[in-house]
Amino acid sequence: MSIACQSPLLCPLDSRRESGEILQRIVVDEGRLEINAASQQTLERLGLTTFAAFEGLSGATVRQIDSRATSRVELGPLVIYLKRHGRPHWRERIIPWLRLGKRSLGAEPEWKAIWEFHRLGIPTVEPVAFGRRGGTTFVATRELVARCDLKQWVRQCQERRQPDGQWRMADFQQAIAHAHRLAMMVATMHRGGLHHQDLYLNHVLWVGDLADGPPEIGRAHV
């Protein structure tokens, strides 16, 4: 069983995966684009070596809020989620100031958080590229194919409850395992000085084989 944080929100140029492999970032396009070195050859083959090239991509829009839009883009064997941030609305600028909080605008905080999660060994999406030009930014991540998110799984467990309302023992034991794994992830995140602004069950994905448990639900991604 494996669960992964879907979209870390909060760094070093190098990040270490659980496998020990080091992820490295490369800056190109006169500083307008950062790419994951592991994706460099693929991106070069696709002609995605500039901010403008990524800006020209189109795909299925899966979410749009104010100046932020997320698209699923299929590029042959590479499928990415491209989250674009336009120039921030005045509300996004003034609300943190009114709350005496730190402003977190654009895609860069999420890009840095993804790398920091990898450095800490917390499962999350694989970074592909980050771009900035003027007041617009984007972050691209490789699609994380998941069986379901934990909120969907809990609903499935509730539908499978026994006549007396009790959870099935197999589901209960799996829930304990999920809770333990999630608690370890959150503890590691907080020890690393990070926080997640949207840490809900539907932002935690179950990535694993069918042998790991009963759910057979499609992928979920934001």
C-alpha atoms as a PDB file:
ATOM      1  CA  MET A   1       0.000   0.000   0.000  1.00  0.00           C
ATOM      2  CA  SER A   2       1.169   3.507  -0.773  1.00  0.00           C
ATOM      3  CA  ILE A   3      -0.497   6.859  -0.282  1.00  0.00           C
ATOM      4  CA  ALA A   4       0.782  10.104  -1.721  1.00  0.00           C
ATOM      5  CA  CYS A   5       0.139  13.763  -1.077  1.00  0.00           C
ATOM      6  CA  GLN A   6      -1.559  15.096  -4.165  1.00  0.00           C
ATOM      7  CA  SER A   7      -0.422  18.708  -4.215  1.00  0.00           C
ATOM      8  CA  PRO A   8       1.937  20.065  -1.563  1.00  0.00           C
ATOM      9  CA  LEU A   9       1.453  23.743  -0.844  1.00  0.00           C
ATOM     10  CA  LEU A  10       3.838  25.872   1.032  1.00  0.00           C
ATOM     11  CA  CYS A  11      14.682  25.105  -1.128  1.00  0.00           C
ATOM     12  CA  PRO A  12      17.217  23.354  -2.159  1.00  0.00           C
ATOM     13  CA  LEU A  13      18.170  22.766  -5.795  1.00  0.00           C
ATOM     14  CA  ASP A  14      18.557  19.050  -5.129  1.00  0.00           C
ATOM     15  CA  SER A  15      15.934  16.705  -3.726  1.00  0.00           C
ATOM     16  CA  ARG A  16      16.259  13.042  -2.690  1.00  0.00           C
ATOM     17  CA  ARG A  17      13.584  10.427  -3.320  1.00  0.00           C
ATOM     18  CA  GLU A  18      12.849   7.525  -1.010  1.00  0.00           C
ATOM     19  CA  SER A  19      14.823   5.329  -3.412  1.00  0.00           C
ATOM     20  CA  GLY A  20      17.920   7.477  -2.815  1.00  0.00           C
ATOM     21  CA  GLU A  21      17.888   8.913  -6.331  1.00  0.00           C
ATOM     22  CA  ILE A  22      18.663  12.628  -6.404  1.00  0.00           C
ATOM     23  CA  LEU A  23      16.384  14.929  -8.353  1.00  0.00           C
ATOM     24  CA  GLN A  24      18.056  17.943  -9.928  1.00  0.00           C
ATOM     25  CA  ARG A  25      16.733  21.151 -11.418  1.00  0.00           C
ATOM     26  CA  ILE A  26      18.043  22.829 -14.555  1.00  0.00           C
ATOM     27  CA  VAL A  27      17.417  26.493 -15.381  1.00  0.00           C
ATOM     28  CA  VAL A  28      16.881  27.322 -19.069  1.00  0.00           C
ATOM     29  CA  ASP A  29      15.287  29.970 -21.312  1.00  0.00           C
ATOM     30  CA  GLU A  30      17.258  32.793 -19.677  1.00  0.00           C
ATOM     31  CA  GLY A  31      15.844  31.958 -16.250  1.00  0.00           C
ATOM     32  CA  ARG A  32      12.213  31.793 -17.321  1.00  0.00           C
ATOM     33  CA  LEU A  33      12.025  28.009 -17.044  1.00  0.00           C
ATOM     34  CA  GLU A  34      13.167  25.394 -14.517  1.00  0.00           C
ATOM     35  CA  ILE A  35      12.935  21.731 -15.433  1.00  0.00           C
ATOM     36  CA  ASN A  36      13.494  18.434 -13.686  1.00  0.00           C
ATOM     37  CA  ALA A  37      16.716  17.008 -15.103  1.00  0.00           C
ATOM     38  CA  ALA A  38      15.055  13.581 -15.252  1.00  0.00           C
ATOM     39  CA  SER A  39      12.552  15.000 -17.772  1.00  0.00           C
ATOM     40  CA  GLN A  40      15.065  16.996 -19.817  1.00  0.00           C
ATOM     41  CA  GLN A  41      15.432  14.616 -22.754  1.00  0.00           C
ATOM     42  CA  THR A  42      11.678  14.078 -23.030  1.00  0.00           C
ATOM     43  CA  LEU A  43      10.970  17.805 -22.930  1.00  0.00           C
ATOM     44  CA  GLU A  44      13.657  18.517 -25.521  1.00  0.00           C
ATOM     45  CA  ARG A  45      12.177  15.856 -27.794  1.00  0.00           C
ATOM     46  CA  LEU A  46       8.772  17.517 -27.437  1.00  0.00           C
ATOM     47  CA  GLY A  47      10.205  20.987 -28.018  1.00  0.00           C
ATOM     48  CA  LEU A  48       9.237  22.136 -24.523  1.00  0.00           C
ATOM     49  CA  THR A  49      12.361  24.085 -23.653  1.00  0.00           C
ATOM     50  CA  THR A  50      10.922  27.590 -23.239  1.00  0.00           C
ATOM     51  CA  PHE A  51       8.208  29.322 -21.264  1.00  0.00           C
ATOM     52  CA  ALA A  52       6.431  30.153 -24.532  1.00  0.00           C
ATOM     53  CA  ALA A  53       6.349  26.491 -25.557  1.00  0.00           C
ATOM     54  CA  PHE A  54       4.549  25.510 -22.357  1.00  0.00           C
ATOM     55  CA  GLU A  55       2.275  28.526 -22.669  1.00  0.00           C
ATOM     56  CA  GLY A  56       1.099  27.219 -26.030  1.00  0.00           C
ATOM     57  CA  LEU A  57      -0.011  23.841 -24.653  1.00  0.00           C
ATOM     58  CA  SER A  58      -3.696  23.045 -24.450  1.00  0.00           C
ATOM     59  CA  GLY A  59      -5.582  20.261 -22.774  1.00  0.00           C
ATOM     60  CA  ALA A  60      -8.715  19.364 -20.867  1.00  0.00           C
ATOM     61  CA  THR A  61      -9.447  21.884 -18.119  1.00  0.00           C
ATOM     62  CA  VAL A  62     -10.017  20.048 -14.852  1.00  0.00           C
ATOM     63  CA  ARG A  63     -10.211  23.021 -12.500  1.00  0.00           C
ATOM     64  CA  GLN A  64     -10.398  26.799 -12.670  1.00  0.00           C
ATOM     65  CA  ILE A  65     -10.537  29.268  -9.779  1.00  0.00           C
ATOM     66  CA  ASP A  66     -10.051  32.979 -10.343  1.00  0.00           C
ATOM     67  CA  SER A  67      -6.725  33.416 -12.136  1.00  0.00           C
ATOM     68  CA  ARG A  68      -5.664  29.761 -11.667  1.00  0.00           C
ATOM     69  CA  ALA A  69      -6.459  27.057 -14.197  1.00  0.00           C
ATOM     70  CA  THR A  70      -5.348  23.412 -14.228  1.00  0.00           C
ATOM     71  CA  SER A  71      -5.302  21.362 -17.434  1.00  0.00           C
ATOM     72  CA  ARG A  72      -4.549  17.718 -18.161  1.00  0.00           C
ATOM     73  CA  VAL A  73      -2.271  17.635 -21.201  1.00  0.00           C
ATOM     74  CA  GLU A  74      -1.432  14.444 -23.099  1.00  0.00           C
ATOM     75  CA  LEU A  75       1.977  14.555 -24.814  1.00  0.00           C
ATOM     76  CA  GLY A  76       2.317  11.031 -26.146  1.00  0.00           C
ATOM     77  CA  PRO A  77       3.860   8.900 -23.412  1.00  0.00           C
ATOM     78  CA  LEU A  78       4.059  11.934 -21.111  1.00  0.00           C
ATOM     79  CA  VAL A  79       0.861  13.109 -19.432  1.00  0.00           C
ATOM     80  CA  ILE A  80       1.147  16.236 -17.318  1.00  0.00           C
ATOM     81  CA  TYR A  81      -1.041  18.439 -15.199  1.00  0.00           C
ATOM     82  CA  LEU A  82      -0.333  22.064 -16.068  1.00  0.00           C
ATOM     83  CA  LYS A  83      -1.396  24.567 -13.422  1.00  0.00           C
ATOM     84  CA  ARG A  84      -1.289  28.131 -14.721  1.00  0.00           C
ATOM     85  CA  HIS A  85      -1.419  31.225 -12.525  1.00  0.00           C
ATOM     86  CA  GLY A  86      -2.323  34.511 -14.150  1.00  0.00           C
ATOM     87  CA  ARG A  87      -1.704  37.906 -12.625  1.00  0.00           C
ATOM     88  CA  PRO A  88      -3.109  37.634  -9.089  1.00  0.00           C
ATOM     89  CA  HIS A  89      -6.413  39.363  -8.355  1.00  0.00           C
ATOM     90  CA  TRP A  90      -6.334  42.206  -5.861  1.00  0.00           C
ATOM     91  CA  ARG A  91      -8.128  39.962  -3.334  1.00  0.00           C
ATOM     92  CA  GLU A  92      -5.249  37.474  -3.422  1.00  0.00           C
ATOM     93  CA  ARG A  93      -2.834  40.311  -2.656  1.00  0.00           C
ATOM     94  CA  ILE A  94      -4.748  42.063   0.102  1.00  0.00           C
ATOM     95  CA  ILE A  95      -6.218  39.158   2.137  1.00  0.00           C
ATOM     96  CA  PRO A  96      -2.824  37.853   3.422  1.00  0.00           C
ATOM     97  CA  TRP A  97      -1.921  41.423   4.366  1.00  0.00           C
ATOM     98  CA  LEU A  98      -5.180  41.850   6.320  1.00  0.00           C
ATOM     99  CA  ARG A  99      -4.524  38.554   8.112  1.00  0.00           C
ATOM    100  CA  LEU A 100      -0.924  39.526   8.840  1.00  0.00           C
ATOM    101  CA  GLY A 101       0.186  36.475   6.902  1.00  0.00           C
ATOM    102  CA  LYS A 102       2.872  35.861   4.306  1.00  0.00           C
ATOM    103  CA  ARG A 103       1.759  36.266   0.709  1.00  0.00           C
ATOM    104  CA  SER A 104       1.910  33.055  -1.311  1.00  0.00           C
ATOM    105  CA  LEU A 105       1.233  34.051  -4.892  1.00  0.00           C
ATOM    106  CA  GLY A 106       1.769  32.244  -8.174  1.00  0.00           C
ATOM    107  CA  ALA A 107       2.996  28.724  -8.841  1.00  0.00           C
ATOM    108  CA  GLU A 108       6.447  29.046  -7.280  1.00  0.00           C
ATOM    109  CA  PRO A 109       5.459  28.122  -3.676  1.00  0.00           C
ATOM    110  CA  GLU A 110       3.938  24.842  -4.902  1.00  0.00           C
ATOM    111  CA  TRP A 111       6.971  24.107  -7.090  1.00  0.00           C
ATOM    112  CA  LYS A 112       9.337  24.594  -4.151  1.00  0.00           C
ATOM    113  CA  ALA A 113       7.107  22.525  -1.872  1.00  0.00           C
ATOM    114  CA  ILE A 114       7.091  19.574  -4.291  1.00  0.00           C
ATOM    115  CA  TRP A 115      10.887  19.489  -4.255  1.00  0.00           C
ATOM    116  CA  GLU A 116      10.985  19.842  -0.492  1.00  0.00           C
ATOM    117  CA  PHE A 117       8.518  16.965  -0.109  1.00  0.00           C
ATOM    118  CA  HIS A 118      10.803  14.773  -2.220  1.00  0.00           C
ATOM    119  CA  ARG A 119      13.823  15.835  -0.173  1.00  0.00           C
ATOM    120  CA  LEU A 120      11.995  14.789   2.998  1.00  0.00           C
ATOM    121  CA  GLY A 121      10.954  11.465   1.443  1.00  0.00           C
ATOM    122  CA  ILE A 122       7.221  12.296   1.407  1.00  0.00           C
ATOM    123  CA  PRO A 123       5.447  10.673  -1.573  1.00  0.00           C
ATOM    124  CA  THR A 124       3.976  13.255  -3.924  1.00  0.00           C
ATOM    125  CA  VAL A 125       3.724  14.137  -7.600  1.00  0.00           C
ATOM    126  CA  GLU A 126       6.824  14.175  -9.813  1.00  0.00           C
ATOM    127  CA  PRO A 127       7.889  17.701 -10.805  1.00  0.00           C
ATOM    128  CA  VAL A 128       8.365  18.386 -14.513  1.00  0.00           C
ATOM    129  CA  ALA A 129       8.762  22.125 -15.017  1.00  0.00           C
ATOM    130  CA  PHE A 130       8.150  25.565 -13.550  1.00  0.00           C
ATOM    131  CA  GLY A 131       7.967  28.789 -15.522  1.00  0.00           C
ATOM    132  CA  ARG A 132       7.722  32.486 -14.793  1.00  0.00           C
ATOM    133  CA  ARG A 133       7.372  35.448 -17.096  1.00  0.00           C
ATOM    134  CA  GLY A 134       6.145  38.804 -15.960  1.00  0.00           C
ATOM    135  CA  GLY A 135       3.249  38.265 -13.589  1.00  0.00           C
ATOM    136  CA  THR A 136       2.330  34.809 -14.869  1.00  0.00           C
ATOM    137  CA  THR A 137       3.673  31.478 -13.646  1.00  0.00           C
ATOM    138  CA  PHE A 138       2.962  27.782 -14.115  1.00  0.00           C
ATOM    139  CA  VAL A 139       3.922  24.450 -12.614  1.00  0.00           C
ATOM    140  CA  ALA A 140       3.823  21.170 -14.554  1.00  0.00           C
ATOM    141  CA  THR A 141       3.771  17.766 -12.856  1.00  0.00           C
ATOM    142  CA  ARG A 142       3.672  14.234 -14.237  1.00  0.00           C
ATOM    143  CA  GLU A 143       0.300  12.561 -13.895  1.00  0.00           C
ATOM    144  CA  LEU A 144       0.081  10.456 -10.772  1.00  0.00           C
ATOM    145  CA  VAL A 145      -2.158   7.522 -11.593  1.00  0.00           C
ATOM    146  CA  ALA A 146      -4.050   6.673  -8.437  1.00  0.00           C
ATOM    147  CA  ARG A 147      -6.730   4.160  -7.595  1.00  0.00           C
ATOM    148  CA  CYS A 148      -8.751   6.686  -5.611  1.00  0.00           C
ATOM    149  CA  ASP A 149      -8.424   9.416  -3.021  1.00  0.00           C
ATOM    150  CA  LEU A 150      -9.006   8.588   0.633  1.00  0.00           C
ATOM    151  CA  LYS A 151     -12.318  10.451   0.783  1.00  0.00           C
ATOM    152  CA  GLN A 152     -13.681   8.264  -2.023  1.00  0.00           C
ATOM    153  CA  TRP A 153     -12.350   5.188  -0.261  1.00  0.00           C
ATOM    154  CA  VAL A 154     -14.061   6.097   3.020  1.00  0.00           C
ATOM    155  CA  ARG A 155     -17.355   6.487   1.163  1.00  0.00           C
ATOM    156  CA  GLN A 156     -16.870   3.069  -0.413  1.00  0.00           C
ATOM    157  CA  CYS A 157     -16.262   1.595   3.046  1.00  0.00           C
ATOM    158  CA  GLN A 158     -19.438   3.196   4.360  1.00  0.00           C
ATOM    159  CA  GLU A 159     -21.432   1.671   1.502  1.00  0.00           C
ATOM    160  CA  ARG A 160     -19.989  -1.748   2.361  1.00  0.00           C
ATOM    161  CA  ARG A 161     -20.898  -1.573   6.044  1.00  0.00           C
ATOM    162  CA  GLN A 162     -22.483  -4.572   7.708  1.00  0.00           C
ATOM    163  CA  PRO A 163     -26.229  -4.592   8.486  1.00  0.00           C
ATOM    164  CA  ASP A 164     -25.546  -3.414  12.056  1.00  0.00           C
ATOM    165  CA  GLY A 165     -23.669  -0.374  10.727  1.00  0.00           C
ATOM    166  CA  GLN A 166     -20.207  -1.654  11.644  1.00  0.00           C
ATOM    167  CA  TRP A 167     -17.367  -1.449   9.145  1.00  0.00           C
ATOM    168  CA  ARG A 168     -16.149  -4.709   7.679  1.00  0.00           C
ATOM    169  CA  MET A 169     -13.047  -5.923   9.507  1.00  0.00           C
ATOM    170  CA  ALA A 170     -10.891  -5.813   6.355  1.00  0.00           C
ATOM    171  CA  ASP A 171     -11.863  -2.171   5.753  1.00  0.00           C
ATOM    172  CA  PHE A 172     -11.283  -1.263   9.398  1.00  0.00           C
ATOM    173  CA  GLN A 173      -7.805  -2.785   9.374  1.00  0.00           C
ATOM    174  CA  GLN A 174      -7.005  -1.000   6.125  1.00  0.00           C
ATOM    175  CA  ALA A 175      -8.214   2.295   7.628  1.00  0.00           C
ATOM    176  CA  ILE A 176      -5.828   1.846  10.566  1.00  0.00           C
ATOM    177  CA  ALA A 177      -2.952   1.279   8.144  1.00  0.00           C
ATOM    178  CA  HIS A 178      -3.918   4.372   6.119  1.00  0.00           C
ATOM    179  CA  ALA A 179      -4.200   6.499   9.261  1.00  0.00           C
ATOM    180  CA  HIS A 180      -0.772   5.389  10.478  1.00  0.00           C
ATOM    181  CA  ARG A 181       0.855   6.085   7.109  1.00  0.00           C
ATOM    182  CA  LEU A 182      -0.813   9.479   6.809  1.00  0.00           C
ATOM    183  CA  ALA A 183       0.173  10.446  10.355  1.00  0.00           C
ATOM    184  CA  MET A 184       3.810   9.596   9.593  1.00  0.00           C
ATOM    185  CA  MET A 185       3.699  11.720   6.426  1.00  0.00           C
ATOM    186  CA  VAL A 186       2.212  14.719   8.230  1.00  0.00           C
ATOM    187  CA  ALA A 187       4.675  14.396  11.112  1.00  0.00           C
ATOM    188  CA  THR A 188       7.583  14.360   8.654  1.00  0.00           C
ATOM    189  CA  MET A 189       6.155  17.380   6.880  1.00  0.00           C
ATOM    190  CA  HIS A 190       5.795  19.386  10.093  1.00  0.00           C
ATOM    191  CA  ARG A 191       9.232  18.413  11.353  1.00  0.00           C
ATOM    192  CA  GLY A 192      10.555  19.746   8.061  1.00  0.00           C
ATOM    193  CA  GLY A 193       8.943  23.112   8.790  1.00  0.00           C
ATOM    194  CA  LEU A 194       6.248  22.754   6.108  1.00  0.00           C
ATOM    195  CA  HIS A 195       2.484  23.048   6.210  1.00  0.00           C
ATOM    196  CA  HIS A 196      -0.207  22.081   3.727  1.00  0.00           C
ATOM    197  CA  GLN A 197      -2.992  24.592   3.138  1.00  0.00           C
ATOM    198  CA  ASP A 198      -5.447  21.979   1.783  1.00  0.00           C
ATOM    199  CA  LEU A 199      -4.720  18.830   3.756  1.00  0.00           C
ATOM    200  CA  TYR A 200      -8.015  17.029   3.220  1.00  0.00           C
ATOM    201  CA  LEU A 201      -8.690  13.351   2.571  1.00  0.00           C
ATOM    202  CA  ASN A 202      -9.524  14.042  -1.075  1.00  0.00           C
ATOM    203  CA  HIS A 203      -6.004  15.443  -1.567  1.00  0.00           C
ATOM    204  CA  VAL A 204      -4.397  12.203  -0.397  1.00  0.00           C
ATOM    205  CA  LEU A 205      -4.225   9.578  -3.127  1.00  0.00           C
ATOM    206  CA  TRP A 206      -4.064   5.797  -2.793  1.00  0.00           C
ATOM    207  CA  VAL A 207      -1.405   4.514  -5.167  1.00  0.00           C
ATOM    208  CA  GLY A 208      -1.001   0.750  -5.159  1.00  0.00           C
ATOM    209  CA  ASP A 209      -1.840  -2.631  -6.622  1.00  0.00           C
ATOM    210  CA  LEU A 210      -5.189  -4.382  -6.537  1.00  0.00           C
ATOM    211  CA  ALA A 211      -3.775  -6.757  -3.950  1.00  0.00           C
ATOM    212  CA  ASP A 212      -3.547  -3.835  -1.508  1.00  0.00           C
ATOM    213  CA  GLY A 213      -7.280  -3.731  -0.891  1.00  0.00           C
ATOM    214  CA  PRO A 214     -10.778  -3.662  -2.409  1.00  0.00           C
ATOM    215  CA  PRO A 215     -11.229  -0.182  -3.976  1.00  0.00           C
ATOM    216  CA  GLU A 216     -11.172  -0.037  -7.764  1.00  0.00           C
ATOM    217  CA  ILE A 217     -11.868   3.645  -8.357  1.00  0.00           C
ATOM    218  CA  GLY A 218     -10.465   5.817 -11.160  1.00  0.00           C
ATOM    219  CA  ARG A 219      -7.694   8.311 -10.794  1.00  0.00           C
ATOM    220  CA  ALA A 220      -8.195  11.605  -9.007  1.00  0.00           C
ATOM    221  CA  HIS A 221      -6.128  14.702  -9.639  1.00  0.00           C
ATOM    222  CA  VAL A 222      -6.458  18.434  -9.083  1.00  0.00           C
END
